[in-house]
Protein backbone atom coordinates (compact mmCIF):
# COMPACT_ATOMS: atom_id res chain seq x y z
CA UNK A 1 0.00 0.00 0.00
CA UNK A 2 1.04 3.61 -0.57
CA UNK A 3 -1.59 5.50 1.39
CA UNK A 4 0.82 8.24 2.46
CA UNK A 5 2.82 8.94 -0.69
CA UNK A 6 4.68 12.26 -0.32
CA UNK A 7 2.78 13.15 2.84
CA UNK A 8 4.68 14.62 5.79
CA UNK A 9 4.38 13.15 9.29
CA UNK A 10 5.77 14.30 12.61
CA UNK A 11 6.15 11.50 15.18
CA UNK A 12 7.30 12.42 18.67
CA UNK A 13 9.13 9.71 20.55
CA UNK A 14 9.85 8.13 17.18
CA UNK A 15 13.22 6.54 17.91
CA UNK A 16 11.95 3.37 19.61
CA UNK A 17 8.90 1.29 20.45
CA UNK A 18 5.53 2.29 19.06
CA UNK A 19 6.88 5.54 17.62
CA UNK A 20 9.59 3.80 15.61
CA UNK A 21 7.18 1.11 14.41
CA UNK A 22 4.84 3.88 13.25
CA UNK A 23 7.66 5.67 11.45
CA UNK A 24 8.56 2.42 9.67
CA UNK A 25 4.94 1.97 8.61
CA UNK A 26 4.60 5.50 7.27
CA UNK A 27 7.91 5.37 5.38
CA UNK A 28 6.94 2.01 3.90
CA UNK A 29 3.73 3.61 2.65
CA UNK A 30 5.45 6.56 1.02
CA UNK A 31 5.59 9.27 3.70
CA UNK A 32 8.37 11.61 4.71
CA UNK A 33 8.78 11.54 8.49
CA UNK A 34 10.31 13.76 11.12
CA UNK A 35 10.92 11.90 14.36
CA UNK A 36 11.98 13.16 17.76
CA UNK A 37 13.86 11.38 20.51
CA UNK A 38 15.85 12.19 23.62
CA UNK A 39 18.47 9.46 23.18
CA UNK A 40 20.83 10.53 20.40
CA UNK A 41 22.18 7.00 19.88
CA UNK A 42 18.71 5.54 19.34
CA UNK A 43 17.69 8.50 17.22
CA UNK A 44 20.69 8.16 14.90
CA UNK A 45 20.08 4.42 14.58
CA UNK A 46 16.42 5.00 13.69
CA UNK A 47 17.29 7.59 11.04
CA UNK A 48 19.93 5.28 9.55
CA UNK A 49 17.35 2.50 9.33
CA UNK A 50 14.53 4.63 7.92
CA UNK A 51 16.63 6.26 5.21
CA UNK A 52 16.56 9.53 3.37
CA UNK A 53 12.86 10.13 3.89
CA UNK A 54 13.44 10.49 7.63
CA UNK A 55 14.82 13.40 9.63
CA UNK A 56 15.66 13.01 13.31
CA UNK A 57 15.44 15.84 15.84
CA UNK A 58 17.09 15.39 19.24
CA UNK A 59 14.40 16.90 21.45
CA UNK A 60 12.62 16.41 24.74
CA UNK A 61 8.99 17.32 24.10
CA UNK A 62 8.50 17.76 27.83
CA UNK A 63 10.42 21.00 27.28
CA UNK A 64 8.70 23.66 25.13
CA UNK A 65 12.02 24.31 23.40
CA UNK A 66 12.04 20.68 22.30
CA UNK A 67 8.59 21.03 20.76
CA UNK A 68 9.71 24.17 18.93
CA UNK A 69 12.81 22.38 17.62
CA UNK A 70 10.63 19.63 16.14
CA UNK A 71 8.18 21.95 14.41
CA UNK A 72 10.99 24.18 13.19
CA UNK A 73 12.61 21.16 11.54
CA UNK A 74 9.33 20.34 9.80
CA UNK A 75 8.88 23.92 8.61
CA UNK A 76 12.41 24.21 7.24
CA UNK A 77 12.44 20.80 5.54
CA UNK A 78 8.87 20.42 4.29
CA UNK A 79 6.83 23.57 5.02
CA UNK A 80 3.72 21.61 6.02
CA UNK A 81 2.35 18.68 8.00
CA UNK A 82 -0.22 16.12 6.92
CA UNK A 83 0.01 13.86 9.98
CA UNK A 84 0.97 14.42 13.61
CA UNK A 85 1.49 11.45 15.91
CA UNK A 86 1.88 12.74 19.47
CA UNK A 87 3.44 9.56 20.80
CA UNK A 88 6.19 10.54 23.26
CA UNK A 89 5.43 9.49 26.80
CA UNK A 90 6.88 8.44 30.12
CA UNK A 91 5.65 6.36 33.03
CA UNK A 92 5.64 6.81 36.78
CA UNK A 93 4.16 3.85 38.62
CA UNK A 94 4.09 4.19 42.39
CA UNK A 95 1.54 4.05 45.19
CA UNK A 96 -0.36 7.33 45.21
CA UNK A 97 1.07 8.34 48.60
CA UNK A 98 4.65 8.01 47.32
CA UNK A 99 4.39 10.20 44.22
CA UNK A 100 6.66 13.22 44.55
CA UNK A 101 6.35 16.70 43.12
CA UNK A 102 9.24 15.84 40.78
CA UNK A 103 7.40 12.70 39.59
CA UNK A 104 4.27 14.78 38.98
CA UNK A 105 6.02 17.57 37.13
CA UNK A 106 8.02 15.27 34.85
CA UNK A 107 5.10 12.98 33.96
CA UNK A 108 2.71 15.85 33.30
CA UNK A 109 5.39 17.71 31.32
CA UNK A 110 5.93 14.84 28.87
CA UNK A 111 2.55 13.10 28.77
CA UNK A 112 0.23 16.09 28.80
CA UNK A 113 2.04 19.36 28.27
CA UNK A 114 4.21 17.81 25.55
CA UNK A 115 1.17 16.53 23.66
CA UNK A 116 -0.72 19.79 24.15
CA UNK A 117 2.04 21.99 22.77
CA UNK A 118 3.12 19.57 20.04
CA UNK A 119 -0.36 19.91 18.58
CA UNK A 120 -0.59 23.65 19.21
CA UNK A 121 2.78 24.39 17.61
CA UNK A 122 1.90 22.17 14.66
CA UNK A 123 -1.33 24.05 13.88
CA UNK A 124 0.20 26.62 11.50
CA UNK A 125 1.77 23.80 9.50
CA UNK A 126 -1.29 21.58 9.17
CA UNK A 127 -2.42 21.00 5.61
CA UNK A 128 -6.09 20.80 4.71
CA UNK A 129 -7.43 17.45 5.83
CA UNK A 130 -4.55 16.80 8.23
CA UNK A 131 -4.83 14.01 10.77
CA UNK A 132 -3.63 13.86 14.37
CA UNK A 133 -3.27 10.72 16.47
CA UNK A 134 -2.48 10.86 20.19
CA UNK A 135 -1.01 7.91 22.08
CA UNK A 136 -3.14 7.41 25.19
CA UNK A 137 -3.38 4.15 27.19
CA UNK A 138 -5.74 1.39 28.24
CA UNK A 139 -5.36 2.73 31.79
CA UNK A 140 -7.65 5.65 31.01
CA UNK A 141 -10.49 3.11 30.74
CA UNK A 142 -9.82 1.02 33.83
CA UNK A 143 -8.52 1.76 37.31
CA UNK A 144 -5.06 0.33 37.84
CA UNK A 145 -3.25 0.44 41.18
CA UNK A 146 0.02 2.42 41.19
CA UNK A 147 -0.90 4.10 37.88
CA UNK A 148 -2.80 7.12 39.23
CA UNK A 149 -0.48 9.76 37.78
CA UNK A 150 0.16 8.02 34.48
CA UNK A 151 -3.53 7.22 33.98
CA UNK A 152 -4.59 10.79 34.72
CA UNK A 153 -2.28 12.18 32.05
CA UNK A 154 -3.55 9.66 29.51
CA UNK A 155 -7.16 10.50 30.30
CA UNK A 156 -6.22 14.15 29.80
CA UNK A 157 -4.78 13.64 26.33
CA UNK A 158 -7.77 11.60 25.16
CA UNK A 159 -10.10 14.34 26.41
CA UNK A 160 -7.91 16.85 24.57
CA UNK A 161 -8.32 14.81 21.38
CA UNK A 162 -12.11 14.82 21.70
CA UNK A 163 -12.18 18.56 22.38
CA UNK A 164 -9.90 19.37 19.47
CA UNK A 165 -11.96 17.17 17.17
CA UNK A 166 -14.74 19.69 17.72
CA UNK A 167 -12.50 22.74 17.48
CA UNK A 168 -10.46 21.69 14.45
CA UNK A 169 -13.26 19.96 12.57
CA UNK A 170 -14.17 23.10 10.59
CA UNK A 171 -10.61 23.06 9.21
CA UNK A 172 -11.07 19.49 8.00
CA UNK A 173 -8.63 18.19 10.60
CA UNK A 174 -9.38 14.86 12.30
CA UNK A 175 -7.94 13.86 15.67
CA UNK A 176 -8.22 10.57 17.52
CA UNK A 177 -6.32 8.66 20.16
CA UNK A 178 -5.12 5.08 20.48
CA UNK A 179 -4.99 3.21 23.77
CA UNK A 180 -2.42 0.42 23.74
CA UNK A 181 -2.59 -2.38 26.28
CA UNK A 182 0.44 -4.41 27.35
CA UNK A 183 2.84 -3.81 24.47
CA UNK A 184 6.36 -5.27 24.39
CA UNK A 185 8.47 -2.11 24.00
CA UNK A 186 11.70 -0.73 25.47
CA UNK A 187 9.52 1.17 27.94
CA UNK A 188 7.87 -2.08 29.11
CA UNK A 189 9.98 -5.02 27.84
CA UNK A 190 8.29 -8.34 28.47
CA UNK A 191 11.60 -10.24 28.68
CA UNK A 192 12.87 -8.00 31.48
CA UNK A 193 9.78 -8.19 33.69
CA UNK A 194 9.57 -10.43 36.70
CA UNK A 195 8.28 -13.72 35.21
CA UNK A 196 5.31 -13.73 37.59
CA UNK A 197 4.33 -10.21 36.56
CA UNK A 198 4.63 -11.03 32.87
CA UNK A 199 2.54 -14.18 33.30
CA UNK A 200 -0.10 -12.30 35.30
CA UNK A 201 -0.33 -9.66 32.59
CA UNK A 202 -0.72 -12.25 29.84
CA UNK A 203 -3.41 -13.91 31.91
CA UNK A 204 -5.47 -10.71 31.94
CA UNK A 205 -5.48 -10.55 28.15
CA UNK A 206 -7.90 -12.82 26.24
CA UNK A 207 -5.38 -12.91 23.38
CA UNK A 208 -2.96 -14.51 25.86
CA UNK A 209 0.07 -12.42 24.93
CA UNK A 210 1.65 -9.00 24.91
CA UNK A 211 1.04 -6.88 21.84
CA UNK A 212 3.69 -5.82 19.35
CA UNK A 213 4.53 -2.21 18.50
CA UNK A 214 3.70 -2.96 14.86
CA UNK A 215 0.12 -3.79 15.85
CA UNK A 216 -0.34 -0.36 17.42
CA UNK A 217 1.38 1.26 14.43
CA UNK A 218 -1.16 -0.42 12.14
CA UNK A 219 -3.99 1.12 14.16
CA UNK A 220 -2.36 4.56 14.03
CA UNK A 221 -1.87 4.23 10.27
CA UNK A 222 -5.52 3.27 9.86
CA UNK A 223 -6.70 6.35 11.77
CA UNK A 224 -4.39 8.54 9.67
CA UNK A 225 -5.44 6.98 6.38
CA UNK A 226 -8.37 7.53 4.01
CA UNK A 227 -9.96 4.38 5.44
CA UNK A 228 -10.43 6.26 8.72
CA UNK A 229 -11.92 9.33 7.10
CA UNK A 230 -15.16 9.28 9.12
CA UNK A 231 -13.58 8.54 12.49
CA UNK A 232 -13.06 11.60 14.66
CA UNK A 233 -12.78 12.25 18.39
CA UNK A 234 -12.57 8.54 19.19
CA UNK A 235 -10.25 6.29 21.15
CA UNK A 236 -9.17 3.05 19.49
CA UNK A 237 -8.19 0.47 22.10
CA UNK A 238 -5.43 -1.89 20.94
CA UNK A 239 -5.13 -4.30 23.84
CA UNK A 240 -6.01 -7.86 22.87
CA UNK A 241 -9.26 -7.55 24.82
CA UNK A 242 -7.75 -6.44 28.15
CA UNK A 243 -10.28 -3.69 28.86
CA UNK A 244 -13.47 -5.19 27.43
CA UNK A 245 -13.24 -8.91 28.13
CA UNK A 246 -12.77 -11.14 31.17
CA UNK A 247 -10.63 -14.09 30.06
CA UNK A 248 -12.18 -17.50 30.42
CA UNK A 249 -10.54 -19.99 32.71
């Protein structure tokens, strides 16, 4: 398929995990991509893999200067944006009583403020009919102990997507979110988990396994493609049934 031929996509957190899988998918379907990442080694490796239709920007989107660096790179290289994937995120998982001000500020800075200002700064570059996809989380749909801070930021970005669907609709811009479940990524590597935790997680999923970044990337590509043209303000859960289904035993 070549659904994104010569389109321009910005993917934050695009040097690993779901972001990198999404960049691969878009490049394979003809897009030019600008990816951001905080780790220069990973970023350089991703750009080398993705080839001459990829530009990497070393940026922390939790810092407004990092967001500006990303959108400046898009403006100077391409002059427009057809797709924004606000993917960059971080996780703080602690009992509620143990969350510090530093934990709060860092998680909110990346997961909410970073998404908010990535989209805001991208607005002047958005082409007619542009699409935005925000990476949320299954935890916005279901209470999960030790995830109070993380879950709150993910609920915030999904609500932002719904609100902006109303506000940007008159411009022909669509915005949706995806909510991944347990996905085997560098942020949550299945092989490095305590075996009991990994087994417990698999047991909660009717599919019986962790998801792959490529499976979430396929959902993001669908929402950004012509096939998703009448989907707006929604959250697409990609979790093997974790939220909706109680596994049989």
